[in-house]
Amino acid sequence: MKLKYKGHHVYTRRGVVGEKGKYKCLRCSNNQQNLFYTFKDLRGLCTYCLNCIALGRSDSLSPIFYEDTTRYTDHLNFTLNFELNSEQQHASDRIVSAIQNNHDLMLYAVTGAGKTEITFRGIEYARNNGLNVAFVSPRVDVVREIYMRLKDAFVTARIDLLYADEKIETDFVFTVCTVHQLYNFIEHFDVIIVDEVDAFPLDGDKILEKQIRRALTKNGSCILLTATPNRALLSGFKNSEIVTIKRRYHGYKLTVPEVIYRNIEKQFKKNKLDKTLKEYLDKSVKDKRKVLIFVPEIRMLAPFMAVLKHHYSKIDYVYSGDQSRKQKVEEMRNDTLDILVTTTILERGVTFKCLDVYVVHAEYFDSASLVQIAGRAGRKIIDPVGHVYLFTSHNTLALLKTRHTIRKLNKGEV
């Protein structure tokens, strides 16, 4: 079923039940008491859930309605502009088999291995056999990218898109959405594919993890996609339930980042750009390459941009709360921008051609983030290598681990 705010079928008379200290939200199953807020309105005291407020208010005075799950068989075919290699084809076959046999599966593949495209055959099988499919991710930018790829591949399909700022709704038999949108579904999907399963805010969030299971039918299949699984994630699967891809779809190795020791902050405090950083950036721009520059904190974006703008004109920055983020990413793709400064919000799910990647203050990043960031380079077959530069004031265990991990992946030792 799908939960909604208006309708004829009542799911529950109240979205939030219980009394002070024992509240529970019946939409998202939240029972963390610090995530409830009580106020007085014309109807009396009203308590609502803060955990799922982005989807609309679930409160103690208002009912939640539902509509029954729609099911029908499609006759889909997908198109790809490249042929799966043997590793990809094996993974694709395993996904189809998992869906056919109602099993879960993890696809552990290096960044740029073509994880999204590997799922296409499984999606095709599911929809052509009347199974409802959701392709979800915790990151909005990843959701947008997936939606575009699926629309290009499944030209005749009706695909729903759900996230905070945009909704394209039909009948929810083939849906792309953020994980949070699953709060509105109960035993609705027969197949849920979770991309970037190790990413914030999903990683370690027990409520969201439970919601994925609640949105899945009892005999449904959950397919997890990741390039950087942690130990906890791996421990939840038997070896026979994990499919590994050790090489990118175009066959080239992952770029091993170059570590450059510079105290960027010293010049930055003088409103100057570090000489070495400028030399590297000048070369990237001269070679007509796109540039992504990652900084560790939002507060660094504006002042860093002010310094960079003295030297580069086609430049902008994005962060999680930027209402123009989608537009700026498109401007980066269509050559309006040469340089985009960002936080880790773009460490996953975005692809640009001819890209060089820079990390400023790399000493503040953990290894999982750095591996993902490095994976932005060399994703296109027309430019399969790219450059990754980690600017840091000193060495860290995370920097050492990042280079070690990427070298192991390149040797097939995962």
Protein backbone atom coordinates (compact mmCIF):
# COMPACT_ATOMS: atom_id res chain seq x y z
CA MET A 1 0.00 0.00 0.00
CA LYS A 2 0.97 3.66 -0.36
CA LEU A 3 0.26 6.10 2.45
CA LYS A 4 -1.24 9.51 1.63
CA TYR A 5 -2.98 12.50 3.25
CA LYS A 6 -6.29 12.40 1.44
CA GLY A 7 -8.42 9.48 0.36
CA HIS A 8 -11.21 7.11 1.24
CA HIS A 9 -9.27 4.34 3.01
CA VAL A 10 -8.04 5.15 6.52
CA TYR A 11 -4.72 3.55 7.47
CA THR A 12 -4.69 5.01 10.97
CA ARG A 13 -6.83 7.60 12.75
CA ARG A 14 -3.69 9.23 14.16
CA GLY A 15 -0.19 9.39 12.71
CA VAL A 16 1.40 9.61 16.15
CA VAL A 17 0.19 7.49 19.07
CA GLY A 18 1.12 7.21 22.74
CA GLU A 19 1.70 9.76 25.46
CA LYS A 20 4.63 11.91 26.58
CA GLY A 21 7.75 9.78 26.81
CA LYS A 22 6.19 6.94 24.83
CA TYR A 23 5.32 8.45 21.44
CA LYS A 24 5.53 6.42 18.25
CA CYS A 25 5.03 7.50 14.64
CA LEU A 26 2.94 5.00 12.68
CA ARG A 27 4.27 6.23 9.34
CA CYS A 28 8.03 5.95 9.87
CA SER A 29 8.08 3.81 13.06
CA ASN A 30 10.15 6.43 14.89
CA ASN A 31 10.09 6.07 18.68
CA GLN A 32 13.03 8.34 19.56
CA GLN A 33 11.39 10.78 21.96
CA ASN A 34 13.68 13.69 21.09
CA LEU A 35 12.26 13.51 17.53
CA PHE A 36 8.75 14.51 18.57
CA TYR A 37 7.40 18.02 19.15
CA THR A 38 4.21 19.05 20.93
CA PHE A 39 2.32 22.33 20.47
CA LYS A 40 -1.19 23.61 20.98
CA ASP A 41 -3.48 24.32 18.03
CA LEU A 42 -7.25 24.91 17.74
CA ARG A 43 -7.93 21.20 18.15
CA GLY A 44 -5.87 20.86 21.34
CA LEU A 45 -2.39 19.54 22.06
CA CYS A 46 -0.79 18.18 18.91
CA THR A 47 2.37 16.06 18.79
CA TYR A 48 4.11 15.47 15.48
CA CYS A 49 7.08 13.44 14.29
CA LEU A 50 10.23 15.33 13.32
CA ASN A 51 11.85 12.27 11.74
CA CYS A 52 9.61 12.23 8.65
CA ILE A 53 8.41 15.86 8.64
CA ALA A 54 9.97 16.43 5.20
CA LEU A 55 7.22 14.19 3.76
CA GLY A 56 4.45 16.20 5.43
CA ARG A 57 3.27 16.15 9.02
CA SER A 58 2.41 12.93 10.80
CA ASP A 59 0.72 13.97 14.04
CA SER A 60 -1.48 12.86 16.92
CA LEU A 61 -4.66 14.56 15.67
CA SER A 62 -4.76 13.76 11.94
CA PRO A 63 -5.50 10.51 10.11
CA ILE A 64 -3.27 8.94 7.46
CA PHE A 65 -4.96 7.40 4.43
CA TYR A 66 -3.76 4.80 1.98
CA GLU A 67 -4.32 3.48 -1.51
CA ASP A 68 -3.93 -0.14 -2.54
CA THR A 69 -0.85 -1.28 -4.39
CA THR A 70 -1.17 -1.20 -8.18
CA ARG A 71 0.21 -4.15 -10.11
CA TYR A 72 0.46 -4.85 -13.83
CA THR A 73 2.86 -6.38 -16.31
CA ASP A 74 5.01 -4.21 -18.58
CA HIS A 75 6.60 -5.18 -21.88
CA LEU A 76 9.88 -3.36 -21.49
CA ASN A 77 13.16 -3.53 -23.35
CA PHE A 78 16.20 -1.45 -22.46
CA THR A 79 18.95 -0.01 -24.60
CA LEU A 80 22.64 0.33 -23.72
CA ASN A 81 25.31 2.19 -25.65
CA PHE A 82 27.92 -0.38 -24.67
CA GLU A 83 28.08 -4.14 -24.24
CA LEU A 84 28.49 -5.65 -20.78
CA ASN A 85 31.83 -7.34 -20.27
CA SER A 86 32.06 -10.83 -18.76
CA GLU A 87 32.27 -9.60 -15.14
CA GLN A 88 29.32 -7.27 -15.61
CA GLN A 89 27.29 -9.94 -17.37
CA HIS A 90 27.93 -12.39 -14.53
CA ALA A 91 26.75 -9.79 -12.00
CA SER A 92 23.68 -9.02 -14.13
CA ASP A 93 22.80 -12.73 -14.28
CA ARG A 94 23.17 -13.02 -10.51
CA ILE A 95 20.79 -10.11 -9.97
CA VAL A 96 18.17 -11.69 -12.26
CA SER A 97 18.57 -14.99 -10.40
CA ALA A 98 18.18 -13.28 -7.01
CA ILE A 99 14.95 -11.62 -8.15
CA GLN A 100 13.63 -14.88 -9.63
CA ASN A 101 14.35 -16.75 -6.38
CA ASN A 102 13.34 -14.00 -3.93
CA HIS A 103 16.85 -13.63 -2.55
CA ASP A 104 18.88 -10.62 -1.39
CA LEU A 105 22.21 -9.78 -3.01
CA MET A 106 25.07 -7.30 -2.60
CA LEU A 107 26.95 -5.98 -5.62
CA TYR A 108 30.36 -4.79 -4.40
CA ALA A 109 31.92 -3.03 -7.38
CA VAL A 110 34.59 -0.39 -7.83
CA THR A 111 33.47 3.14 -8.66
CA GLY A 112 32.72 3.44 -12.36
CA ALA A 113 32.06 -0.29 -12.81
CA GLY A 114 28.61 0.37 -14.31
CA LYS A 115 26.57 -0.72 -11.29
CA THR A 116 23.42 1.04 -12.47
CA GLU A 117 23.55 -0.52 -15.94
CA ILE A 118 24.22 -3.96 -14.47
CA THR A 119 20.78 -3.85 -12.81
CA PHE A 120 18.89 -3.20 -16.07
CA ARG A 121 18.30 -6.84 -16.98
CA GLY A 122 16.94 -7.53 -13.49
CA ILE A 123 14.62 -4.51 -13.71
CA GLU A 124 13.45 -5.63 -17.14
CA TYR A 125 12.70 -9.14 -15.83
CA ALA A 126 10.88 -7.77 -12.77
CA ARG A 127 8.60 -5.37 -14.64
CA ASN A 128 7.87 -7.85 -17.43
CA ASN A 129 6.70 -10.27 -14.76
CA GLY A 130 4.51 -7.78 -12.93
CA LEU A 131 6.88 -7.08 -10.03
CA ASN A 132 6.97 -3.57 -8.58
CA VAL A 133 10.47 -2.04 -8.56
CA ALA A 134 12.04 0.77 -6.53
CA PHE A 135 15.53 2.09 -7.22
CA VAL A 136 16.53 4.14 -4.19
CA SER A 137 19.49 6.01 -2.73
CA PRO A 138 20.08 8.14 0.35
CA ARG A 139 21.52 10.96 -1.83
CA VAL A 140 19.36 13.31 -3.94
CA ASP A 141 22.08 13.84 -6.55
CA VAL A 142 22.41 10.07 -7.00
CA VAL A 143 18.62 9.76 -7.39
CA ARG A 144 18.60 12.38 -10.14
CA GLU A 145 21.46 10.66 -11.98
CA ILE A 146 19.80 7.23 -11.73
CA TYR A 147 16.49 8.61 -12.99
CA MET A 148 18.16 10.11 -16.07
CA ARG A 149 19.94 6.86 -16.87
CA LEU A 150 16.82 4.77 -16.43
CA LYS A 151 14.75 7.12 -18.60
CA ASP A 152 17.39 6.91 -21.33
CA ALA A 153 17.55 3.11 -21.12
CA PHE A 154 13.85 2.26 -20.62
CA VAL A 155 12.39 4.68 -23.14
CA THR A 156 8.79 3.42 -22.98
CA ALA A 157 8.60 2.96 -19.21
CA ARG A 158 6.55 5.12 -16.88
CA ILE A 159 8.98 5.91 -14.07
CA ASP A 160 8.05 7.78 -10.91
CA LEU A 161 10.56 10.19 -9.37
CA LEU A 162 10.27 11.14 -5.71
CA TYR A 163 12.49 13.36 -3.61
CA ALA A 164 12.02 16.47 -1.49
CA ASP A 165 12.05 19.04 -4.30
CA GLU A 166 10.47 17.10 -7.14
CA LYS A 167 7.72 14.55 -7.70
CA ILE A 168 6.79 12.86 -10.97
CA GLU A 169 4.01 10.47 -10.01
CA THR A 170 2.12 7.85 -12.01
CA ASP A 171 1.26 4.51 -10.42
CA PHE A 172 4.40 3.59 -8.44
CA VAL A 173 5.17 0.29 -10.15
CA PHE A 174 8.61 1.56 -11.22
CA THR A 175 9.88 4.22 -8.84
CA VAL A 176 13.15 6.10 -8.32
CA CYS A 177 13.35 7.89 -4.99
CA THR A 178 15.35 8.81 -1.93
CA VAL A 179 15.26 6.23 0.86
CA HIS A 180 13.19 8.59 3.02
CA GLN A 181 10.33 8.44 0.49
CA LEU A 182 9.90 4.75 1.38
CA TYR A 183 8.21 5.85 4.61
CA ASN A 184 5.05 6.13 2.52
CA PHE A 185 5.11 2.53 1.28
CA ILE A 186 4.21 -0.70 3.09
CA GLU A 187 4.84 -4.09 1.41
CA HIS A 188 4.51 -2.34 -1.95
CA PHE A 189 7.70 -3.22 -3.83
CA ASP A 190 8.79 -6.70 -4.88
CA VAL A 191 12.31 -5.51 -5.73
CA ILE A 192 14.19 -2.69 -4.03
CA ILE A 193 17.61 -1.73 -5.39
CA VAL A 194 19.59 0.44 -2.96
CA ASP A 195 22.48 2.38 -4.48
CA GLU A 196 25.22 3.86 -2.26
CA VAL A 197 23.89 1.83 0.64
CA ASP A 198 26.90 2.84 2.77
CA ALA A 199 26.27 6.60 2.36
CA PHE A 200 24.96 9.10 4.89
CA PRO A 201 22.21 9.36 6.05
CA LEU A 202 21.33 5.67 5.48
CA ASP A 203 24.52 4.19 6.92
CA GLY A 204 23.88 3.29 10.55
CA ASP A 205 20.29 4.61 10.59
CA LYS A 206 18.28 1.70 11.96
CA ILE A 207 14.93 3.39 11.27
CA LEU A 208 15.73 3.82 7.57
CA GLU A 209 17.12 0.31 7.31
CA LYS A 210 13.87 -1.09 8.79
CA GLN A 211 11.84 1.07 6.43
CA ILE A 212 13.44 -0.55 3.40
CA ARG A 213 12.25 -3.92 4.70
CA ARG A 214 8.77 -2.56 5.51
CA ALA A 215 8.39 -1.21 1.95
CA LEU A 216 9.40 -4.62 0.55
CA THR A 217 6.92 -7.46 0.12
CA LYS A 218 7.46 -10.49 2.36
CA ASN A 219 9.04 -12.48 -0.48
CA GLY A 220 10.72 -9.51 -2.10
CA SER A 221 14.38 -9.09 -3.12
CA CYS A 222 16.70 -6.38 -1.86
CA ILE A 223 19.72 -5.64 -4.08
CA LEU A 224 22.42 -3.52 -2.44
CA LEU A 225 24.98 -1.62 -4.52
CA THR A 226 28.20 -0.23 -3.05
CA ALA A 227 31.81 0.61 -3.86
CA THR A 228 32.91 1.14 -0.26
CA PRO A 229 31.16 -1.34 2.06
CA ASN A 230 32.05 -1.24 5.73
CA ARG A 231 32.55 -4.32 7.90
CA ALA A 232 29.07 -4.14 9.38
CA LEU A 233 27.52 -4.18 5.92
CA LEU A 234 29.66 -7.07 4.70
CA SER A 235 28.96 -9.10 7.83
CA GLY A 236 25.25 -9.14 6.99
CA PHE A 237 25.83 -11.23 3.87
CA LYS A 238 27.27 -14.68 3.20
CA ASN A 239 30.10 -14.81 0.66
CA SER A 240 27.71 -16.51 -1.76
CA GLU A 241 25.40 -13.47 -1.54
CA ILE A 242 28.11 -10.96 -2.56
CA VAL A 243 29.07 -10.37 -6.20
CA THR A 244 32.34 -8.52 -6.73
CA ILE A 245 33.50 -6.48 -9.73
CA LYS A 246 37.14 -5.46 -9.58
CA ARG A 247 37.52 -3.39 -12.73
CA ARG A 248 35.71 -0.46 -14.33
CA TYR A 249 33.50 -1.11 -17.33
CA HIS A 250 36.05 0.35 -19.76
CA GLY A 251 38.81 -1.88 -18.38
CA TYR A 252 41.11 0.89 -17.13
CA LYS A 253 42.41 1.02 -13.58
CA LEU A 254 41.22 3.45 -10.92
CA THR A 255 43.28 6.61 -10.61
CA VAL A 256 45.64 6.46 -7.63
CA PRO A 257 45.53 9.94 -6.04
CA GLU A 258 48.63 12.11 -5.93
CA VAL A 259 49.27 13.50 -2.44
CA ILE A 260 50.64 17.06 -2.40
CA TYR A 261 51.86 18.50 0.88
CA ARG A 262 50.92 22.18 1.09
CA ASN A 263 49.64 24.44 3.85
CA ILE A 264 46.77 25.91 1.83
CA GLU A 265 45.43 27.73 4.89
CA LYS A 266 48.56 29.88 5.24
CA GLN A 267 48.02 31.67 1.93
CA PHE A 268 44.27 31.51 2.22
CA LYS A 269 44.34 33.66 5.37
CA LYS A 270 46.13 36.31 3.29
CA ASN A 271 43.36 36.09 0.66
CA LYS A 272 45.86 34.49 -1.69
CA LEU A 273 45.78 31.24 -3.63
CA ASP A 274 48.55 28.76 -2.87
CA LYS A 275 51.13 28.87 -5.66
CA THR A 276 51.28 25.10 -6.20
CA LEU A 277 47.50 24.71 -6.16
CA LYS A 278 47.22 27.49 -8.73
CA GLU A 279 49.81 25.84 -10.99
CA TYR A 280 47.83 22.58 -10.96
CA LEU A 281 44.52 24.34 -11.53
CA ASP A 282 45.96 26.42 -14.37
CA LYS A 283 47.11 23.26 -16.14
CA SER A 284 43.71 21.57 -15.75
CA VAL A 285 41.89 24.60 -17.15
CA LYS A 286 44.44 25.04 -19.96
CA ASP A 287 43.95 21.38 -20.93
CA LYS A 288 40.18 22.08 -21.11
CA ARG A 289 39.36 19.73 -18.26
CA LYS A 290 36.49 20.07 -15.84
CA VAL A 291 37.51 20.53 -12.21
CA LEU A 292 35.75 19.41 -9.03
CA ILE A 293 37.30 20.84 -5.85
CA PHE A 294 36.20 19.23 -2.58
CA VAL A 295 36.44 21.08 0.74
CA PRO A 296 35.65 19.49 4.13
CA GLU A 297 33.17 22.08 5.49
CA ILE A 298 30.41 24.30 4.14
CA ARG A 299 31.83 27.35 5.92
CA MET A 300 34.95 27.15 3.73
CA LEU A 301 33.04 27.43 0.44
CA ALA A 302 32.29 31.16 0.17
CA PRO A 303 35.69 32.51 1.31
CA PHE A 304 37.55 29.95 -0.80
CA MET A 305 35.42 30.91 -3.79
CA ALA A 306 36.20 34.59 -3.23
CA VAL A 307 39.91 33.84 -3.60
CA LEU A 308 39.46 31.55 -6.61
CA LYS A 309 37.28 34.06 -8.47
CA HIS A 310 40.26 36.42 -8.76
CA HIS A 311 41.84 33.82 -11.08
CA TYR A 312 38.96 31.87 -12.70
CA SER A 313 35.69 33.21 -14.09
CA LYS A 314 33.68 30.09 -14.96
CA ILE A 315 33.38 28.88 -11.39
CA ASP A 316 30.68 28.27 -8.76
CA TYR A 317 30.06 26.24 -5.60
CA VAL A 318 27.40 23.85 -4.26
CA TYR A 319 26.44 22.33 -0.94
CA SER A 320 23.59 20.26 0.49
CA GLY A 321 21.27 23.21 1.16
CA ASP A 322 21.89 24.93 -2.19
CA GLN A 323 18.53 25.36 -3.95
CA SER A 324 20.36 25.80 -7.28
CA ARG A 325 22.42 22.62 -6.94
CA LYS A 326 20.70 20.79 -9.78
CA GLN A 327 21.15 23.77 -12.11
CA LYS A 328 24.83 24.17 -11.24
CA VAL A 329 25.57 20.49 -11.88
CA GLU A 330 23.93 20.86 -15.30
CA GLU A 331 26.00 23.98 -15.98
CA MET A 332 29.10 21.95 -15.20
CA ARG A 333 27.97 19.32 -17.72
CA ASN A 334 27.15 21.78 -20.51
CA ASP A 335 30.42 23.75 -20.24
CA THR A 336 28.97 26.87 -18.63
CA LEU A 337 31.29 26.14 -15.70
CA ASP A 338 34.90 24.94 -15.67
CA ILE A 339 35.28 24.61 -11.90
CA LEU A 340 32.77 23.52 -9.27
CA VAL A 341 33.71 23.74 -5.59
CA THR A 342 31.74 21.36 -3.40
CA THR A 343 31.41 19.54 -0.12
CA THR A 344 31.09 15.74 0.01
CA ILE A 345 27.53 16.11 -1.30
CA LEU A 346 28.96 15.38 -4.78
CA GLU A 347 31.28 12.56 -3.72
CA ARG A 348 28.83 10.04 -5.17
CA GLY A 349 26.52 9.57 -8.10
CA VAL A 350 27.62 12.39 -10.42
CA THR A 351 29.56 11.89 -13.64
CA PHE A 352 31.40 14.50 -15.68
CA LYS A 353 33.55 13.94 -18.74
CA CYS A 354 37.24 14.97 -18.83
CA LEU A 355 37.35 15.60 -15.09
CA ASP A 356 40.19 16.36 -12.69
CA VAL A 357 39.46 16.06 -8.98
CA TYR A 358 41.02 18.16 -6.23
CA VAL A 359 40.66 17.76 -2.49
CA VAL A 360 41.71 20.72 -0.33
CA HIS A 361 42.52 19.96 3.32
CA ALA A 362 42.45 16.26 2.53
CA GLU A 363 43.66 15.58 6.07
CA TYR A 364 40.07 16.10 7.29
CA PHE A 365 38.49 13.39 5.09
CA ASP A 366 38.05 9.72 5.94
CA SER A 367 39.19 6.97 3.61
CA ALA A 368 35.73 5.92 2.42
CA SER A 369 34.99 9.48 1.28
CA LEU A 370 38.36 9.84 -0.43
CA VAL A 371 37.88 6.57 -2.34
CA GLN A 372 34.48 7.79 -3.52
CA ILE A 373 35.86 11.21 -4.42
CA ALA A 374 38.74 9.68 -6.37
CA GLY A 375 36.16 7.58 -8.19
CA ARG A 376 34.72 10.70 -9.85
CA ALA A 377 37.72 10.79 -12.21
CA GLY A 378 38.08 8.57 -15.28
CA ARG A 379 34.48 7.39 -15.48
CA LYS A 380 34.05 8.01 -19.22
CA ILE A 381 35.64 5.84 -21.88
CA ILE A 382 36.72 8.97 -23.79
CA ASP A 383 38.79 9.92 -20.73
CA PRO A 384 39.28 6.75 -18.69
CA VAL A 385 41.99 7.91 -16.29
CA GLY A 386 41.76 11.52 -15.11
CA HIS A 387 43.75 13.09 -12.28
CA VAL A 388 43.13 13.15 -8.54
CA TYR A 389 45.09 15.55 -6.33
CA LEU A 390 44.94 15.45 -2.54
CA PHE A 391 46.28 18.68 -1.02
CA THR A 392 47.12 18.21 2.64
CA SER A 393 49.22 19.85 5.34
CA HIS A 394 50.30 16.45 6.72
CA ASN A 395 49.92 12.73 6.17
CA THR A 396 47.11 10.77 7.82
CA LEU A 397 46.11 7.13 8.17
CA ALA A 398 43.08 7.88 5.96
CA LEU A 399 45.34 9.15 3.14
CA LEU A 400 47.57 6.09 3.40
CA LYS A 401 44.56 3.76 3.51
CA THR A 402 42.97 5.45 0.48
CA ARG A 403 45.98 4.90 -1.78
CA HIS A 404 46.47 1.38 -0.42
CA THR A 405 42.80 0.49 -1.00
CA ILE A 406 42.81 1.79 -4.59
CA ARG A 407 46.04 -0.07 -5.40
CA LYS A 408 44.49 -3.28 -4.00
CA LEU A 409 41.37 -2.74 -6.09
CA ASN A 410 43.51 -2.25 -9.19
CA LYS A 411 45.21 -5.57 -8.48
CA GLY A 412 41.86 -7.29 -8.00
CA GLU A 413 42.52 -7.86 -4.30
CA VAL A 414 39.14 -7.03 -2.76
